[in-house]
Amino acid sequence: DFPAFYTRSSGCKAAYNLASARDAARMISVS
């Protein structure tokens, strides 16, 4: 679920989910 600022869901889906800060960091590093 992709958030919409004031609400936790916008009704739209994200392409991927990052389970942790480390997952996010690895993605940024690889990019």
PDB file of all heavy atoms in Angstrom:
ATOM      1  N   ASP A   1       0.845  -1.197   0.000  1.00  0.00           N
ATOM      2  CA  ASP A   1       0.000   0.000   0.000  1.00  0.00           C
ATOM      3  C   ASP A   1       0.880   1.247   0.000  1.00  0.00           C
ATOM      4  O   ASP A   1       1.756   1.393   0.860  1.00  0.00           O
ATOM      5  CB  ASP A   1      -0.916   0.017   1.227  1.00  0.00           C
ATOM      6  CG  ASP A   1      -2.039  -0.989   1.117  1.00  0.00           C
ATOM      7  OD1 ASP A   1      -2.517  -1.193  -0.012  1.00  0.00           O
ATOM      8  OD2 ASP A   1      -2.429  -1.573   2.146  1.00  0.00           O
ATOM      9  N   PHE A   2       0.622   2.133  -0.943  1.00  0.00           N
ATOM     10  CA  PHE A   2       1.399   3.363  -1.018  1.00  0.00           C
ATOM     11  C   PHE A   2       0.662   4.464  -0.268  1.00  0.00           C
ATOM     12  O   PHE A   2      -0.525   4.694  -0.502  1.00  0.00           O
ATOM     13  CB  PHE A   2       1.618   3.771  -2.475  1.00  0.00           C
ATOM     14  CG  PHE A   2       2.647   4.852  -2.640  1.00  0.00           C
ATOM     15  CD1 PHE A   2       3.988   4.596  -2.390  1.00  0.00           C
ATOM     16  CD2 PHE A   2       2.280   6.135  -3.028  1.00  0.00           C
ATOM     17  CE1 PHE A   2       4.945   5.592  -2.527  1.00  0.00           C
ATOM     18  CE2 PHE A   2       3.225   7.132  -3.171  1.00  0.00           C
ATOM     19  CZ  PHE A   2       4.565   6.863  -2.919  1.00  0.00           C
ATOM     20  N   PRO A   3       1.336   5.149   0.664  1.00  0.00           N
ATOM     21  CA  PRO A   3       0.655   6.138   1.506  1.00  0.00           C
ATOM     22  C   PRO A   3       0.267   7.404   0.742  1.00  0.00           C
ATOM     23  O   PRO A   3       0.806   7.679  -0.334  1.00  0.00           O
ATOM     24  CB  PRO A   3       1.690   6.448   2.590  1.00  0.00           C
ATOM     25  CG  PRO A   3       3.005   6.170   1.944  1.00  0.00           C
ATOM     26  CD  PRO A   3       2.773   5.022   1.014  1.00  0.00           C
ATOM     27  N   ALA A   4      -0.638   8.162   1.330  1.00  0.00           N
ATOM     28  CA  ALA A   4      -1.103   9.409   0.718  1.00  0.00           C
ATOM     29  C   ALA A   4      -1.049  10.543   1.736  1.00  0.00           C
ATOM     30  O   ALA A   4      -2.061  11.156   2.071  1.00  0.00           O
ATOM     31  CB  ALA A   4      -2.518   9.257   0.172  1.00  0.00           C
ATOM     32  N   PHE A   5       0.148  10.772   2.257  1.00  0.00           N
ATOM     33  CA  PHE A   5       0.392  11.893   3.148  1.00  0.00           C
ATOM     34  C   PHE A   5      -0.409  11.758   4.442  1.00  0.00           C
ATOM     35  O   PHE A   5       0.035  11.106   5.369  1.00  0.00           O
ATOM     36  CB  PHE A   5       0.081  13.208   2.422  1.00  0.00           C
ATOM     37  CG  PHE A   5       0.794  14.412   2.992  1.00  0.00           C
ATOM     38  CD1 PHE A   5       2.171  14.474   3.026  1.00  0.00           C
ATOM     39  CD2 PHE A   5       0.085  15.492   3.475  1.00  0.00           C
ATOM     40  CE1 PHE A   5       2.833  15.587   3.542  1.00  0.00           C
ATOM     41  CE2 PHE A   5       0.738  16.609   4.000  1.00  0.00           C
ATOM     42  CZ  PHE A   5       2.110  16.652   4.032  1.00  0.00           C
ATOM     43  N   TYR A   6      -1.604  12.347   4.520  1.00  0.00           N
ATOM     44  CA  TYR A   6      -2.393  12.309   5.756  1.00  0.00           C
ATOM     45  C   TYR A   6      -2.973  10.925   6.050  1.00  0.00           C
ATOM     46  O   TYR A   6      -3.349  10.642   7.185  1.00  0.00           O
ATOM     47  CB  TYR A   6      -3.560  13.292   5.673  1.00  0.00           C
ATOM     48  CG  TYR A   6      -3.168  14.735   5.507  1.00  0.00           C
ATOM     49  CD1 TYR A   6      -3.572  15.456   4.390  1.00  0.00           C
ATOM     50  CD2 TYR A   6      -2.405  15.393   6.471  1.00  0.00           C
ATOM     51  CE1 TYR A   6      -3.226  16.787   4.234  1.00  0.00           C
ATOM     52  CE2 TYR A   6      -2.058  16.725   6.318  1.00  0.00           C
ATOM     53  CZ  TYR A   6      -2.471  17.418   5.194  1.00  0.00           C
ATOM     54  OH  TYR A   6      -2.136  18.740   5.039  1.00  0.00           O
ATOM     55  N   THR A   7      -3.082  10.085   5.029  1.00  0.00           N
ATOM     56  CA  THR A   7      -3.679   8.763   5.204  1.00  0.00           C
ATOM     57  C   THR A   7      -2.650   7.674   4.895  1.00  0.00           C
ATOM     58  O   THR A   7      -1.725   7.883   4.105  1.00  0.00           O
ATOM     59  CB  THR A   7      -4.911   8.585   4.297  1.00  0.00           C
ATOM     60  OG1 THR A   7      -4.513   8.727   2.925  1.00  0.00           O
ATOM     61  CG2 THR A   7      -5.957   9.636   4.614  1.00  0.00           C
ATOM     62  N   ARG A   8      -2.834   6.502   5.508  1.00  0.00           N
ATOM     63  CA  ARG A   8      -1.840   5.442   5.383  1.00  0.00           C
ATOM     64  C   ARG A   8      -1.900   4.711   4.048  1.00  0.00           C
ATOM     65  O   ARG A   8      -0.972   3.994   3.690  1.00  0.00           O
ATOM     66  CB  ARG A   8      -2.018   4.446   6.538  1.00  0.00           C
ATOM     67  CG  ARG A   8      -1.637   5.052   7.897  1.00  0.00           C
ATOM     68  CD  ARG A   8      -1.889   4.068   9.042  1.00  0.00           C
ATOM     69  NE  ARG A   8      -1.089   2.862   8.944  1.00  0.00           N
ATOM     70  CZ  ARG A   8       0.168   2.743   9.371  1.00  0.00           C
ATOM     71  NH1 ARG A   8       0.785   3.794   9.901  1.00  0.00           N
ATOM     72  NH2 ARG A   8       0.809   1.604   9.253  1.00  0.00           N
ATOM     73  N   SER A   9      -2.985   4.884   3.319  1.00  0.00           N
ATOM     74  CA  SER A   9      -3.099   4.246   2.010  1.00  0.00           C
ATOM     75  C   SER A   9      -3.752   5.193   1.016  1.00  0.00           C
ATOM     76  O   SER A   9      -4.698   5.917   1.348  1.00  0.00           O
ATOM     77  CB  SER A   9      -3.915   2.954   2.103  1.00  0.00           C
ATOM     78  OG  SER A   9      -4.117   2.393   0.826  1.00  0.00           O
ATOM     79  N   SER A  10      -3.238   5.179  -0.202  1.00  0.00           N
ATOM     80  CA  SER A  10      -3.792   6.017  -1.265  1.00  0.00           C
ATOM     81  C   SER A  10      -4.732   5.236  -2.167  1.00  0.00           C
ATOM     82  O   SER A  10      -5.368   5.801  -3.059  1.00  0.00           O
ATOM     83  CB  SER A  10      -2.645   6.572  -2.120  1.00  0.00           C
ATOM     84  OG  SER A  10      -1.938   5.504  -2.745  1.00  0.00           O
ATOM     85  N   GLY A  11      -4.798   3.912  -1.938  1.00  0.00           N
ATOM     86  CA  GLY A  11      -5.552   3.062  -2.852  1.00  0.00           C
ATOM     87  C   GLY A  11      -4.686   2.570  -4.002  1.00  0.00           C
ATOM     88  O   GLY A  11      -5.127   1.769  -4.822  1.00  0.00           O
ATOM     89  N   CYS A  12      -3.423   3.038  -4.058  1.00  0.00           N
ATOM     90  CA  CYS A  12      -2.482   2.616  -5.093  1.00  0.00           C
ATOM     91  C   CYS A  12      -1.417   1.707  -4.471  1.00  0.00           C
ATOM     92  O   CYS A  12      -1.172   1.762  -3.262  1.00  0.00           O
ATOM     93  CB  CYS A  12      -1.805   3.829  -5.730  1.00  0.00           C
ATOM     94  SG  CYS A  12      -2.940   4.959  -6.562  1.00  0.00           S
ATOM     95  N   LYS A  13      -0.808   0.913  -5.308  1.00  0.00           N
ATOM     96  CA  LYS A  13       0.233  -0.001  -4.846  1.00  0.00           C
ATOM     97  C   LYS A  13       1.607   0.470  -5.317  1.00  0.00           C
ATOM     98  O   LYS A  13       1.759   0.990  -6.429  1.00  0.00           O
ATOM     99  CB  LYS A  13      -0.023  -1.415  -5.389  1.00  0.00           C
ATOM    100  CG  LYS A  13      -1.338  -2.025  -4.929  1.00  0.00           C
ATOM    101  CD  LYS A  13      -1.318  -2.374  -3.457  1.00  0.00           C
ATOM    102  CE  LYS A  13      -2.596  -3.107  -3.047  1.00  0.00           C
ATOM    103  NZ  LYS A  13      -2.598  -3.452  -1.607  1.00  0.00           N
ATOM    104  N   ALA A  14       2.600   0.275  -4.467  1.00  0.00           N
ATOM    105  CA  ALA A  14       3.982   0.529  -4.852  1.00  0.00           C
ATOM    106  C   ALA A  14       4.515  -0.665  -5.631  1.00  0.00           C
ATOM    107  O   ALA A  14       3.951  -1.764  -5.568  1.00  0.00           O
ATOM    108  CB  ALA A  14       4.831   0.773  -3.608  1.00  0.00           C
ATOM    109  N   ALA A  15       5.604  -0.453  -6.369  1.00  0.00           N
ATOM    110  CA  ALA A  15       6.194  -1.551  -7.138  1.00  0.00           C
ATOM    111  C   ALA A  15       6.845  -2.579  -6.219  1.00  0.00           C
ATOM    112  O   ALA A  15       6.788  -3.787  -6.477  1.00  0.00           O
ATOM    113  CB  ALA A  15       7.218  -0.994  -8.125  1.00  0.00           C
ATOM    114  N   TYR A  16       7.449  -2.098  -5.125  1.00  0.00           N
ATOM    115  CA  TYR A  16       8.184  -2.984  -4.224  1.00  0.00           C
ATOM    116  C   TYR A  16       7.967  -2.539  -2.782  1.00  0.00           C
ATOM    117  O   TYR A  16       7.511  -1.422  -2.521  1.00  0.00           O
ATOM    118  CB  TYR A  16       9.690  -2.955  -4.544  1.00  0.00           C
ATOM    119  CG  TYR A  16       9.994  -3.226  -5.987  1.00  0.00           C
ATOM    120  CD1 TYR A  16      10.330  -2.180  -6.848  1.00  0.00           C
ATOM    121  CD2 TYR A  16       9.934  -4.520  -6.499  1.00  0.00           C
ATOM    122  CE1 TYR A  16      10.587  -2.425  -8.190  1.00  0.00           C
ATOM    123  CE2 TYR A  16      10.194  -4.771  -7.839  1.00  0.00           C
ATOM    124  CZ  TYR A  16      10.521  -3.714  -8.686  1.00  0.00           C
ATOM    125  OH  TYR A  16      10.770  -3.958 -10.003  1.00  0.00           O
ATOM    126  N   ASN A  17       8.331  -3.433  -1.859  1.00  0.00           N
ATOM    127  CA  ASN A  17       8.310  -3.083  -0.442  1.00  0.00           C
ATOM    128  C   ASN A  17       9.703  -3.306   0.138  1.00  0.00           C
ATOM    129  O   ASN A  17      10.379  -4.287  -0.183  1.00  0.00           O
ATOM    130  CB  ASN A  17       7.308  -3.940   0.333  1.00  0.00           C
ATOM    131  CG  ASN A  17       7.336  -3.639   1.821  1.00  0.00           C
ATOM    132  OD1 ASN A  17       7.075  -2.519   2.237  1.00  0.00           O
ATOM    133  ND2 ASN A  17       7.684  -4.634   2.626  1.00  0.00           N
ATOM    134  N   LEU A  18      10.127  -2.364   0.966  1.00  0.00           N
ATOM    135  CA  LEU A  18      11.407  -2.475   1.662  1.00  0.00           C
ATOM    136  C   LEU A  18      11.125  -2.820   3.110  1.00  0.00           C
ATOM    137  O   LEU A  18      10.470  -2.056   3.822  1.00  0.00           O
ATOM    138  CB  LEU A  18      12.180  -1.161   1.553  1.00  0.00           C
ATOM    139  CG  LEU A  18      12.533  -0.752   0.120  1.00  0.00           C
ATOM    140  CD1 LEU A  18      13.020   0.689   0.081  1.00  0.00           C
ATOM    141  CD2 LEU A  18      13.570  -1.701  -0.476  1.00  0.00           C
ATOM    142  N   ALA A  19      11.615  -3.971   3.543  1.00  0.00           N
ATOM    143  CA  ALA A  19      11.281  -4.465   4.876  1.00  0.00           C
ATOM    144  C   ALA A  19      12.085  -3.803   5.978  1.00  0.00           C
ATOM    145  O   ALA A  19      11.687  -3.829   7.142  1.00  0.00           O
ATOM    146  CB  ALA A  19      11.481  -5.977   4.931  1.00  0.00           C
ATOM    147  N   SER A  20      13.226  -3.196   5.631  1.00  0.00           N
ATOM    148  CA  SER A  20      14.091  -2.631   6.665  1.00  0.00           C
ATOM    149  C   SER A  20      14.942  -1.518   6.092  1.00  0.00           C
ATOM    150  O   SER A  20      15.054  -1.348   4.866  1.00  0.00           O
ATOM    151  CB  SER A  20      15.007  -3.718   7.239  1.00  0.00           C
ATOM    152  OG  SER A  20      15.922  -4.157   6.238  1.00  0.00           O
ATOM    153  N   ALA A  21      15.587  -0.785   7.002  1.00  0.00           N
ATOM    154  CA  ALA A  21      16.504   0.277   6.581  1.00  0.00           C
ATOM    155  C   ALA A  21      17.682  -0.316   5.810  1.00  0.00           C
ATOM    156  O   ALA A  21      18.188   0.300   4.864  1.00  0.00           O
ATOM    157  CB  ALA A  21      16.999   1.048   7.803  1.00  0.00           C
ATOM    158  N   ARG A  22      18.102  -1.500   6.189  1.00  0.00           N
ATOM    159  CA  ARG A  22      19.231  -2.130   5.498  1.00  0.00           C
ATOM    160  C   ARG A  22      18.857  -2.488   4.059  1.00  0.00           C
ATOM    161  O   ARG A  22      19.665  -2.331   3.142  1.00  0.00           O
ATOM    162  CB  ARG A  22      19.699  -3.372   6.262  1.00  0.00           C
ATOM    163  CG  ARG A  22      21.024  -3.925   5.730  1.00  0.00           C
ATOM    164  CD  ARG A  22      21.652  -4.897   6.702  1.00  0.00           C
ATOM    165  NE  ARG A  22      22.976  -5.325   6.264  1.00  0.00           N
ATOM    166  CZ  ARG A  22      24.091  -4.629   6.446  1.00  0.00           C
ATOM    167  NH1 ARG A  22      24.037  -3.466   7.053  1.00  0.00           N
ATOM    168  NH2 ARG A  22      25.256  -5.093   6.035  1.00  0.00           N
ATOM    169  N   ASP A  23      17.635  -2.965   3.849  1.00  0.00           N
ATOM    170  CA  ASP A  23      17.188  -3.256   2.489  1.00  0.00           C
ATOM    171  C   ASP A  23      17.203  -1.987   1.628  1.00  0.00           C
ATOM    172  O   ASP A  23      17.611  -2.000   0.471  1.00  0.00           O
ATOM    173  CB  ASP A  23      15.771  -3.841   2.510  1.00  0.00           C
ATOM    174  CG  ASP A  23      15.748  -5.296   2.950  1.00  0.00           C
ATOM    175  OD1 ASP A  23      16.834  -5.908   3.029  1.00  0.00           O
ATOM    176  OD2 ASP A  23      14.648  -5.815   3.225  1.00  0.00           O
ATOM    177  N   ALA A  24      16.735  -0.900   2.224  1.00  0.00           N
ATOM    178  CA  ALA A  24      16.730   0.373   1.499  1.00  0.00           C
ATOM    179  C   ALA A  24      18.148   0.818   1.176  1.00  0.00           C
ATOM    180  O   ALA A  24      18.439   1.275   0.057  1.00  0.00           O
ATOM    181  CB  ALA A  24      16.014   1.440   2.328  1.00  0.00           C
ATOM    182  N   ALA A  25      19.053   0.662   2.134  1.00  0.00           N
ATOM    183  CA  ALA A  25      20.440   1.079   1.938  1.00  0.00           C
ATOM    184  C   ALA A  25      21.109   0.270   0.828  1.00  0.00           C
ATOM    185  O   ALA A  25      21.842   0.815  -0.002  1.00  0.00           O
ATOM    186  CB  ALA A  25      21.209   0.927   3.245  1.00  0.00           C
ATOM    187  N   ARG A  26      20.865  -1.019   0.809  1.00  0.00           N
ATOM    188  CA  ARG A  26      21.456  -1.863  -0.234  1.00  0.00           C
ATOM    189  C   ARG A  26      20.971  -1.444  -1.613  1.00  0.00           C
ATOM    190  O   ARG A  26      21.745  -1.397  -2.577  1.00  0.00           O
ATOM    191  CB  ARG A  26      21.099  -3.331   0.022  1.00  0.00           C
ATOM    192  CG  ARG A  26      21.886  -3.971   1.157  1.00  0.00           C
ATOM    193  CD  ARG A  26      21.349  -5.347   1.476  1.00  0.00           C
ATOM    194  NE  ARG A  26      22.144  -6.038   2.475  1.00  0.00           N
ATOM    195  CZ  ARG A  26      21.742  -7.107   3.135  1.00  0.00           C
ATOM    196  NH1 ARG A  26      20.539  -7.612   2.885  1.00  0.00           N
ATOM    197  NH2 ARG A  26      22.520  -7.677   4.031  1.00  0.00           N
ATOM    198  N   MET A  27      19.677  -1.131  -1.723  1.00  0.00           N
ATOM    199  CA  MET A  27      19.129  -0.701  -3.015  1.00  0.00           C
ATOM    200  C   MET A  27      19.781   0.599  -3.477  1.00  0.00           C
ATOM    201  O   MET A  27      20.160   0.743  -4.648  1.00  0.00           O
ATOM    202  CB  MET A  27      17.610  -0.526  -2.894  1.00  0.00           C
ATOM    203  CG  MET A  27      16.941  -0.088  -4.183  1.00  0.00           C
ATOM    204  SD  MET A  27      15.152   0.047  -4.025  1.00  0.00           S
ATOM    205  CE  MET A  27      15.024   1.476  -2.921  1.00  0.00           C
ATOM    206  N   ILE A  28      19.927   1.556  -2.565  1.00  0.00           N
ATOM    207  CA  ILE A  28      20.543   2.840  -2.905  1.00  0.00           C
ATOM    208  C   ILE A  28      21.997   2.637  -3.332  1.00  0.00           C
ATOM    209  O   ILE A  28      22.469   3.234  -4.304  1.00  0.00           O
ATOM    210  CB  ILE A  28      20.463   3.802  -1.698  1.00  0.00           C
ATOM    211  CG1 ILE A  28      19.004   4.108  -1.368  1.00  0.00           C
ATOM    212  CG2 ILE A  28      21.227   5.091  -1.977  1.00  0.00           C
ATOM    213  CD1 ILE A  28      18.805   4.776  -0.014  1.00  0.00           C
ATOM    214  N   SER A  29      22.700   1.776  -2.615  1.00  0.00           N
ATOM    215  CA  SER A  29      24.108   1.517  -2.913  1.00  0.00           C
ATOM    216  C   SER A  29      24.285   0.863  -4.281  1.00  0.00           C
ATOM    217  O   SER A  29      25.173   1.236  -5.051  1.00  0.00           O
ATOM    218  CB  SER A  29      24.716   0.626  -1.824  1.00  0.00           C
ATOM    219  OG  SER A  29      26.088   0.418  -2.058  1.00  0.00           O
ATOM    220  N   VAL A  30      23.436  -0.113  -4.585  1.00  0.00           N
ATOM    221  CA  VAL A  30      23.525  -0.789  -5.882  1.00  0.00           C
ATOM    222  C   VAL A  30      23.235   0.185  -7.016  1.00  0.00           C
ATOM    223  O   VAL A  30      23.897   0.176  -8.061  1.00  0.00           O
ATOM    224  CB  VAL A  30      22.560  -1.996  -5.931  1.00  0.00           C
ATOM    225  CG1 VAL A  30      22.434  -2.522  -7.361  1.00  0.00           C
ATOM    226  CG2 VAL A  30      23.044  -3.097  -5.004  1.00  0.00           C
ATOM    227  N   SER A  31      22.244   1.051  -6.820  1.00  0.00           N
ATOM    228  CA  SER A  31      21.919   2.052  -7.840  1.00  0.00           C
ATOM    229  C   SER A  31      23.115   2.965  -8.103  1.00  0.00           C
ATOM    230  O   SER A  31      23.423   3.294  -9.245  1.00  0.00           O
ATOM    231  CB  SER A  31      20.720   2.894  -7.396  1.00  0.00           C
ATOM    232  OG  SER A  31      20.435   3.905  -8.339  1.00  0.00           O
TER     233      SER A  31
END
